Amino acid sequence: MNIGEALDFLRAGHALCRHGWNGKNMFIYHVPADVYHAKTDVAKKYFGEKVTYCEYLAMKTPQNNVVPWLASQSDILADDWYLYE
């Protein structure tokens, strides 16, 4: 599927990945906008105990970490997206 179709699946709560990715067990997923507890002193100083976050895409890395994900040009133009199972 292409990135437009992939975004529809992500917003519906699915995890996706690309055939072109070389890391094992990597996938992305949608994190909806919400209010979260502040985790750092800086956040607490500027926002208080609760911080309003916008929606974003997160990636599960091969090292079993989660990081915010930013699409590359090749990710945006790819048509090898598929549902991660």
Protein backbone atom coordinates (compact mmCIF):
# COMPACT_ATOMS: atom_id res chain seq x y z
CA MET A 1 0.00 0.00 0.00
CA ASN A 2 1.09 3.62 -0.37
CA ILE A 3 1.58 6.17 2.42
CA GLY A 4 -1.96 7.56 2.09
CA GLU A 5 -3.48 4.12 2.60
CA ALA A 6 -0.98 3.44 5.37
CA LEU A 7 -2.06 6.57 7.26
CA ASP A 8 -5.68 5.43 7.18
CA PHE A 9 -4.69 2.11 8.75
CA LEU A 10 -2.46 3.83 11.32
CA ARG A 11 -5.29 6.13 12.41
CA ALA A 12 -7.55 3.08 12.70
CA GLY A 13 -5.16 1.62 15.29
CA HIS A 14 -2.98 -0.73 13.24
CA ALA A 15 0.80 -1.12 13.28
CA LEU A 16 2.58 -0.95 9.91
CA CYS A 17 6.00 -1.52 8.45
CA ARG A 18 7.73 -1.57 5.09
CA HIS A 19 9.25 -4.42 3.14
CA GLY A 20 12.19 -2.10 2.47
CA TRP A 21 13.14 -1.73 6.14
CA ASN A 22 16.06 -3.88 7.21
CA GLY A 23 15.56 -3.90 10.98
CA LYS A 24 13.84 -6.88 12.58
CA ASN A 25 10.49 -6.26 14.25
CA MET A 26 10.35 -2.55 13.39
CA PHE A 27 6.93 -0.99 13.02
CA ILE A 28 5.18 2.35 13.35
CA TYR A 29 1.91 3.23 15.00
CA HIS A 30 -0.27 6.27 15.64
CA VAL A 31 -0.30 7.97 19.04
CA PRO A 32 -3.44 10.10 19.36
CA ALA A 33 -3.47 13.60 20.79
CA ASP A 34 -4.02 13.50 24.52
CA VAL A 35 -3.02 14.96 27.87
CA TYR A 36 -0.14 13.15 29.58
CA HIS A 37 1.58 13.51 32.94
CA ALA A 38 4.69 15.67 32.72
CA LYS A 39 7.80 13.48 32.92
CA THR A 40 10.53 16.11 33.18
CA ASP A 41 11.21 19.15 35.33
CA VAL A 42 11.25 21.33 32.22
CA ALA A 43 7.77 20.15 31.20
CA LYS A 44 6.49 20.62 34.73
CA LYS A 45 7.95 24.15 34.86
CA TYR A 46 6.28 25.28 31.64
CA PHE A 47 3.09 23.22 31.56
CA GLY A 48 2.40 22.03 35.10
CA GLU A 49 1.63 18.42 35.91
CA LYS A 50 -0.26 17.78 32.65
CA VAL A 51 0.99 18.35 29.11
CA THR A 52 -1.20 18.40 26.00
CA TYR A 53 0.45 16.52 23.13
CA CYS A 54 -0.53 16.57 19.47
CA GLU A 55 -0.92 13.29 17.62
CA TYR A 56 2.25 11.75 16.20
CA LEU A 57 3.68 8.55 14.76
CA ALA A 58 5.93 6.40 16.90
CA MET A 59 8.32 3.61 15.90
CA LYS A 60 9.15 0.43 17.76
CA THR A 61 12.86 -0.11 17.12
CA PRO A 62 14.76 -3.42 16.77
CA GLN A 63 16.14 -2.70 20.27
CA ASN A 64 12.57 -2.68 21.68
CA ASN A 65 12.55 1.07 22.28
CA VAL A 66 9.92 3.55 21.15
CA VAL A 67 10.93 6.77 19.39
CA PRO A 68 8.99 9.46 17.53
CA TRP A 69 9.07 8.62 13.82
CA LEU A 70 9.70 10.99 10.93
CA ALA A 71 9.15 9.72 7.39
CA SER A 72 11.98 9.90 4.87
CA GLN A 73 11.41 10.76 1.21
CA SER A 74 11.66 7.07 0.36
CA ASP A 75 9.06 6.19 3.04
CA ILE A 76 6.64 8.80 1.69
CA LEU A 77 6.99 7.60 -1.92
CA ALA A 78 7.08 3.86 -1.17
CA ASP A 79 4.29 1.47 -2.06
CA ASP A 80 5.55 -1.46 0.03
CA TRP A 81 3.72 -0.66 3.28
CA TYR A 82 1.95 -3.56 4.98
CA LEU A 83 0.19 -4.39 8.24
CA TYR A 84 2.55 -5.60 10.96
CA GLU A 85 1.28 -8.81 12.53
